[in-house]
Amino acid sequence: MANVKQLIKELVKEDSGQDLIEYALVSALVGLGSVAAISGLDNSLKNTFNGIGSALTNSTA
């Protein structure tokens, strides 16, 4: 019975996996944030490049 109590005490103190979970959550949040930012820039970039393409087409005509 003493061994079971000691094992439970050691498991409660054990926190080596906690850092890995925190890093995984932070990296997932960074990934989601970057996807959201790139999605927001999508239309802006399309409009910019279409404007440049139109200006180049009109300048050679």
PDB file of N, CA and C in Angstrom:
ATOM      1  N   MET A   1       0.819  -1.193   0.000  1.00  0.00           N
ATOM      2  CA  MET A   1       0.000   0.000   0.000  1.00  0.00           C
ATOM      3  C   MET A   1       0.861   1.254   0.000  1.00  0.00           C
ATOM      4  N   ALA A   2       1.999   1.192   0.665  1.00  0.00           N
ATOM      5  CA  ALA A   2       2.903   2.333   0.722  1.00  0.00           C
ATOM      6  C   ALA A   2       3.444   2.654  -0.670  1.00  0.00           C
ATOM      7  N   ASN A   3       3.665   1.619  -1.479  1.00  0.00           N
ATOM      8  CA  ASN A   3       4.171   1.836  -2.839  1.00  0.00           C
ATOM      9  C   ASN A   3       3.136   2.556  -3.706  1.00  0.00           C
ATOM     10  N   VAL A   4       1.879   2.247  -3.538  1.00  0.00           N
ATOM     11  CA  VAL A   4       0.813   2.888  -4.300  1.00  0.00           C
ATOM     12  C   VAL A   4       0.731   4.359  -3.918  1.00  0.00           C
ATOM     13  N   LYS A   5       0.818   4.651  -2.626  1.00  0.00           N
ATOM     14  CA  LYS A   5       0.791   6.046  -2.185  1.00  0.00           C
ATOM     15  C   LYS A   5       1.976   6.814  -2.734  1.00  0.00           C
ATOM     16  N   GLN A   6       3.141   6.190  -2.716  1.00  0.00           N
ATOM     17  CA  GLN A   6       4.346   6.839  -3.245  1.00  0.00           C
ATOM     18  C   GLN A   6       4.201   7.082  -4.746  1.00  0.00           C
ATOM     19  N   LEU A   7       3.641   6.122  -5.466  1.00  0.00           N
ATOM     20  CA  LEU A   7       3.442   6.254  -6.903  1.00  0.00           C
ATOM     21  C   LEU A   7       2.489   7.403  -7.218  1.00  0.00           C
ATOM     22  N   ILE A   8       1.411   7.511  -6.463  1.00  0.00           N
ATOM     23  CA  ILE A   8       0.449   8.593  -6.678  1.00  0.00           C
ATOM     24  C   ILE A   8       1.088   9.944  -6.391  1.00  0.00           C
ATOM     25  N   LYS A   9       1.897  10.026  -5.331  1.00  0.00           N
ATOM     26  CA  LYS A   9       2.586  11.275  -5.015  1.00  0.00           C
ATOM     27  C   LYS A   9       3.540  11.677  -6.135  1.00  0.00           C
ATOM     28  N   GLU A  10       4.251  10.714  -6.699  1.00  0.00           N
ATOM     29  CA  GLU A  10       5.176  11.009  -7.791  1.00  0.00           C
ATOM     30  C   GLU A  10       4.432  11.432  -9.058  1.00  0.00           C
ATOM     31  N   LEU A  11       3.292  10.811  -9.318  1.00  0.00           N
ATOM     32  CA  LEU A  11       2.511  11.184 -10.503  1.00  0.00           C
ATOM     33  C   LEU A  11       1.957  12.598 -10.382  1.00  0.00           C
ATOM     34  N   VAL A  12       1.575  13.002  -9.170  1.00  0.00           N
ATOM     35  CA  VAL A  12       1.060  14.346  -8.961  1.00  0.00           C
ATOM     36  C   VAL A  12       2.174  15.375  -9.158  1.00  0.00           C
ATOM     37  N   LYS A  13       3.370  15.033  -8.735  1.00  0.00           N
ATOM     38  CA  LYS A  13       4.510  15.950  -8.874  1.00  0.00           C
ATOM     39  C   LYS A  13       5.019  16.015 -10.315  1.00  0.00           C
ATOM     40  N   GLU A  14       4.807  14.976 -11.077  1.00  0.00           N
ATOM     41  CA  GLU A  14       5.335  14.870 -12.442  1.00  0.00           C
ATOM     42  C   GLU A  14       4.659  15.892 -13.357  1.00  0.00           C
ATOM     43  N   ASP A  15       5.461  16.733 -14.018  1.00  0.00           N
ATOM     44  CA  ASP A  15       4.902  17.718 -14.940  1.00  0.00           C
ATOM     45  C   ASP A  15       5.752  17.879 -16.200  1.00  0.00           C
ATOM     46  N   SER A  16       6.500  16.850 -16.543  1.00  0.00           N
ATOM     47  CA  SER A  16       7.390  16.966 -17.707  1.00  0.00           C
ATOM     48  C   SER A  16       6.615  17.048 -19.019  1.00  0.00           C
ATOM     49  N   GLY A  17       5.438  16.472 -19.117  1.00  0.00           N
ATOM     50  CA  GLY A  17       4.656  16.535 -20.337  1.00  0.00           C
ATOM     51  C   GLY A  17       3.891  17.837 -20.499  1.00  0.00           C
ATOM     52  N   GLN A  18       3.809  18.617 -19.447  1.00  0.00           N
ATOM     53  CA  GLN A  18       3.042  19.855 -19.481  1.00  0.00           C
ATOM     54  C   GLN A  18       3.656  20.855 -20.448  1.00  0.00           C
ATOM     55  N   ASP A  19       4.976  20.957 -20.484  1.00  0.00           N
ATOM     56  CA  ASP A  19       5.638  21.894 -21.383  1.00  0.00           C
ATOM     57  C   ASP A  19       5.357  21.561 -22.843  1.00  0.00           C
ATOM     58  N   LEU A  20       5.384  20.288 -23.163  1.00  0.00           N
ATOM     59  CA  LEU A  20       5.129  19.866 -24.541  1.00  0.00           C
ATOM     60  C   LEU A  20       3.723  20.248 -24.973  1.00  0.00           C
ATOM     61  N   ILE A  21       2.761  20.067 -24.107  1.00  0.00           N
ATOM     62  CA  ILE A  21       1.380  20.426 -24.432  1.00  0.00           C
ATOM     63  C   ILE A  21       1.246  21.927 -24.620  1.00  0.00           C
ATOM     64  N   GLU A  22       1.910  22.706 -23.770  1.00  0.00           N
ATOM     65  CA  GLU A  22       1.843  24.164 -23.897  1.00  0.00           C
ATOM     66  C   GLU A  22       2.460  24.624 -25.209  1.00  0.00           C
ATOM     67  N   TYR A  23       3.605  24.062 -25.583  1.00  0.00           N
ATOM     68  CA  TYR A  23       4.234  24.433 -26.853  1.00  0.00           C
ATOM     69  C   TYR A  23       3.359  24.042 -28.037  1.00  0.00           C
ATOM     70  N   ALA A  24       2.695  22.902 -27.950  1.00  0.00           N
ATOM     71  CA  ALA A  24       1.811  22.470 -29.033  1.00  0.00           C
ATOM     72  C   ALA A  24       0.629  23.423 -29.169  1.00  0.00           C
ATOM     73  N   LEU A  25       0.065  23.857 -28.051  1.00  0.00           N
ATOM     74  CA  LEU A  25      -1.058  24.804 -28.105  1.00  0.00           C
ATOM     75  C   LEU A  25      -0.621  26.149 -28.665  1.00  0.00           C
ATOM     76  N   VAL A  26       0.540  26.626 -28.256  1.00  0.00           N
ATOM     77  CA  VAL A  26       1.031  27.911 -28.766  1.00  0.00           C
ATOM     78  C   VAL A  26       1.296  27.830 -30.257  1.00  0.00           C
ATOM     79  N   SER A  27       1.913  26.740 -30.701  1.00  0.00           N
ATOM     80  CA  SER A  27       2.194  26.613 -32.130  1.00  0.00           C
ATOM     81  C   SER A  27       0.907  26.482 -32.944  1.00  0.00           C
ATOM     82  N   ALA A  28      -0.098  25.829 -32.391  1.00  0.00           N
ATOM     83  CA  ALA A  28      -1.383  25.735 -33.091  1.00  0.00           C
ATOM     84  C   ALA A  28      -2.038  27.104 -33.203  1.00  0.00           C
ATOM     85  N   LEU A  29      -1.960  27.910 -32.148  1.00  0.00           N
ATOM     86  CA  LEU A  29      -2.528  29.260 -32.201  1.00  0.00           C
ATOM     87  C   LEU A  29      -1.786  30.139 -33.199  1.00  0.00           C
ATOM     88  N   VAL A  30      -0.469  30.017 -33.253  1.00  0.00           N
ATOM     89  CA  VAL A  30       0.315  30.787 -34.224  1.00  0.00           C
ATOM     90  C   VAL A  30      -0.053  30.368 -35.641  1.00  0.00           C
ATOM     91  N   GLY A  31      -0.217  29.073 -35.853  1.00  0.00           N
ATOM     92  CA  GLY A  31      -0.607  28.580 -37.171  1.00  0.00           C
ATOM     93  C   GLY A  31      -1.964  29.088 -37.595  1.00  0.00           C
ATOM     94  N   LEU A  32      -2.920  29.048 -36.690  1.00  0.00           N
ATOM     95  CA  LEU A  32      -4.259  29.554 -37.020  1.00  0.00           C
ATOM     96  C   LEU A  32      -4.236  31.057 -37.276  1.00  0.00           C
ATOM     97  N   GLY A  33      -3.449  31.778 -36.508  1.00  0.00           N
ATOM     98  CA  GLY A  33      -3.336  33.225 -36.712  1.00  0.00           C
ATOM     99  C   GLY A  33      -2.724  33.564 -38.055  1.00  0.00           C
ATOM    100  N   SER A  34      -1.695  32.812 -38.447  1.00  0.00           N
ATOM    101  CA  SER A  34      -1.069  33.088 -39.737  1.00  0.00           C
ATOM    102  C   SER A  34      -2.000  32.747 -40.893  1.00  0.00           C
ATOM    103  N   VAL A  35      -2.774  31.689 -40.774  1.00  0.00           N
ATOM    104  CA  VAL A  35      -3.749  31.345 -41.821  1.00  0.00           C
ATOM    105  C   VAL A  35      -4.800  32.436 -41.932  1.00  0.00           C
ATOM    106  N   ALA A  36      -5.261  32.942 -40.807  1.00  0.00           N
ATOM    107  CA  ALA A  36      -6.265  34.009 -40.832  1.00  0.00           C
ATOM    108  C   ALA A  36      -5.694  35.279 -41.449  1.00  0.00           C
ATOM    109  N   ALA A  37      -4.444  35.606 -41.141  1.00  0.00           N
ATOM    110  CA  ALA A  37      -3.826  36.807 -41.696  1.00  0.00           C
ATOM    111  C   ALA A  37      -3.622  36.675 -43.201  1.00  0.00           C
ATOM    112  N   ILE A  38      -3.185  35.521 -43.641  1.00  0.00           N
ATOM    113  CA  ILE A  38      -2.963  35.312 -45.076  1.00  0.00           C
ATOM    114  C   ILE A  38      -4.295  35.337 -45.820  1.00  0.00           C
ATOM    115  N   SER A  39      -5.324  34.773 -45.226  1.00  0.00           N
ATOM    116  CA  SER A  39      -6.646  34.801 -45.860  1.00  0.00           C
ATOM    117  C   SER A  39      -7.158  36.233 -45.984  1.00  0.00           C
ATOM    118  N   GLY A  40      -6.871  37.055 -44.996  1.00  0.00           N
ATOM    119  CA  GLY A  40      -7.282  38.455 -45.045  1.00  0.00           C
ATOM    120  C   GLY A  40      -6.533  39.241 -46.101  1.00  0.00           C
ATOM    121  N   LEU A  41      -5.294  38.880 -46.352  1.00  0.00           N
ATOM    122  CA  LEU A  41      -4.490  39.577 -47.359  1.00  0.00           C
ATOM    123  C   LEU A  41      -4.756  39.086 -48.772  1.00  0.00           C
ATOM    124  N   ASP A  42      -5.470  38.003 -48.907  1.00  0.00           N
ATOM    125  CA  ASP A  42      -5.696  37.381 -50.211  1.00  0.00           C
ATOM    126  C   ASP A  42      -6.314  38.351 -51.211  1.00  0.00           C
ATOM    127  N   ASN A  43      -7.430  38.972 -50.866  1.00  0.00           N
ATOM    128  CA  ASN A  43      -8.099  39.884 -51.794  1.00  0.00           C
ATOM    129  C   ASN A  43      -7.267  41.123 -52.059  1.00  0.00           C
ATOM    130  N   SER A  44      -6.585  41.613 -51.053  1.00  0.00           N
ATOM    131  CA  SER A  44      -5.748  42.794 -51.223  1.00  0.00           C
ATOM    132  C   SER A  44      -4.620  42.524 -52.217  1.00  0.00           C
ATOM    133  N   LEU A  45      -3.981  41.376 -52.086  1.00  0.00           N
ATOM    134  CA  LEU A  45      -2.901  41.030 -53.012  1.00  0.00           C
ATOM    135  C   LEU A  45      -3.426  40.810 -54.428  1.00  0.00           C
ATOM    136  N   LYS A  46      -4.581  40.154 -54.546  1.00  0.00           N
ATOM    137  CA  LYS A  46      -5.163  39.940 -55.868  1.00  0.00           C
ATOM    138  C   LYS A  46      -5.461  41.273 -56.550  1.00  0.00           C
ATOM    139  N   ASN A  47      -6.055  42.207 -55.805  1.00  0.00           N
ATOM    140  CA  ASN A  47      -6.380  43.515 -56.371  1.00  0.00           C
ATOM    141  C   ASN A  47      -5.127  44.279 -56.769  1.00  0.00           C
ATOM    142  N   THR A  48      -4.099  44.196 -55.947  1.00  0.00           N
ATOM    143  CA  THR A  48      -2.850  44.897 -56.263  1.00  0.00           C
ATOM    144  C   THR A  48      -2.231  44.359 -57.541  1.00  0.00           C
ATOM    145  N   PHE A  49      -2.116  43.039 -57.660  1.00  0.00           N
ATOM    146  CA  PHE A  49      -1.503  42.462 -58.850  1.00  0.00           C
ATOM    147  C   PHE A  49      -2.372  42.661 -60.087  1.00  0.00           C
ATOM    148  N   ASN A  50      -3.699  42.630 -59.941  1.00  0.00           N
ATOM    149  CA  ASN A  50      -4.568  42.909 -61.082  1.00  0.00           C
ATOM    150  C   ASN A  50      -4.410  44.356 -61.538  1.00  0.00           C
ATOM    151  N   GLY A  51      -4.263  45.274 -60.581  1.00  0.00           N
ATOM    152  CA  GLY A  51      -4.041  46.677 -60.926  1.00  0.00           C
ATOM    153  C   GLY A  51      -2.725  46.871 -61.661  1.00  0.00           C
ATOM    154  N   ILE A  52      -1.682  46.202 -61.190  1.00  0.00           N
ATOM    155  CA  ILE A  52      -0.376  46.299 -61.860  1.00  0.00           C
ATOM    156  C   ILE A  52      -0.457  45.710 -63.262  1.00  0.00           C
ATOM    157  N   GLY A  53      -1.143  44.573 -63.391  1.00  0.00           N
ATOM    158  CA  GLY A  53      -1.291  43.950 -64.704  1.00  0.00           C
ATOM    159  C   GLY A  53      -2.083  44.825 -65.655  1.00  0.00           C
ATOM    160  N   SER A  54      -3.122  45.462 -65.168  1.00  0.00           N
ATOM    161  CA  SER A  54      -3.914  46.350 -66.015  1.00  0.00           C
ATOM    162  C   SER A  54      -3.107  47.572 -66.432  1.00  0.00           C
ATOM    163  N   ALA A  55      -2.336  48.117 -65.512  1.00  0.00           N
ATOM    164  CA  ALA A  55      -1.514  49.283 -65.835  1.00  0.00           C
ATOM    165  C   ALA A  55      -0.478  48.933 -66.878  1.00  0.00           C
ATOM    166  N   LEU A  56       0.143  47.766 -66.770  1.00  0.00           N
ATOM    167  CA  LEU A  56       1.129  47.356 -67.760  1.00  0.00           C
ATOM    168  C   LEU A  56       0.480  47.106 -69.110  1.00  0.00           C
ATOM    169  N   THR A  57      -0.701  46.506 -69.115  1.00  0.00           N
ATOM    170  CA  THR A  57      -1.410  46.256 -70.379  1.00  0.00           C
ATOM    171  C   THR A  57      -1.798  47.559 -71.042  1.00  0.00           C
ATOM    172  N   ASN A  58      -2.294  48.524 -70.260  1.00  0.00           N
ATOM    173  CA  ASN A  58      -2.727  49.805 -70.823  1.00  0.00           C
ATOM    174  C   ASN A  58      -1.544  50.644 -71.293  1.00  0.00           C
ATOM    175  N   SER A  59      -0.379  50.472 -70.669  1.00  0.00           N
ATOM    176  CA  SER A  59       0.781  51.285 -71.069  1.00  0.00           C
ATOM    177  C   SER A  59       1.378  50.798 -72.383  1.00  0.00           C
ATOM    178  N   THR A  60       1.196  49.541 -72.709  1.00  0.00           N
ATOM    179  CA  THR A  60       1.743  49.041 -73.972  1.00  0.00           C
ATOM    180  C   THR A  60       0.748  49.157 -75.112  1.00  0.00           C
ATOM    181  N   ALA A  61      -0.489  49.463 -74.835  1.00  0.00           N
ATOM    182  CA  ALA A  61      -1.502  49.531 -75.886  1.00  0.00           C
ATOM    183  C   ALA A  61      -1.493  50.871 -76.599  1.00  0.00           C
TER     184      ALA A  61
END
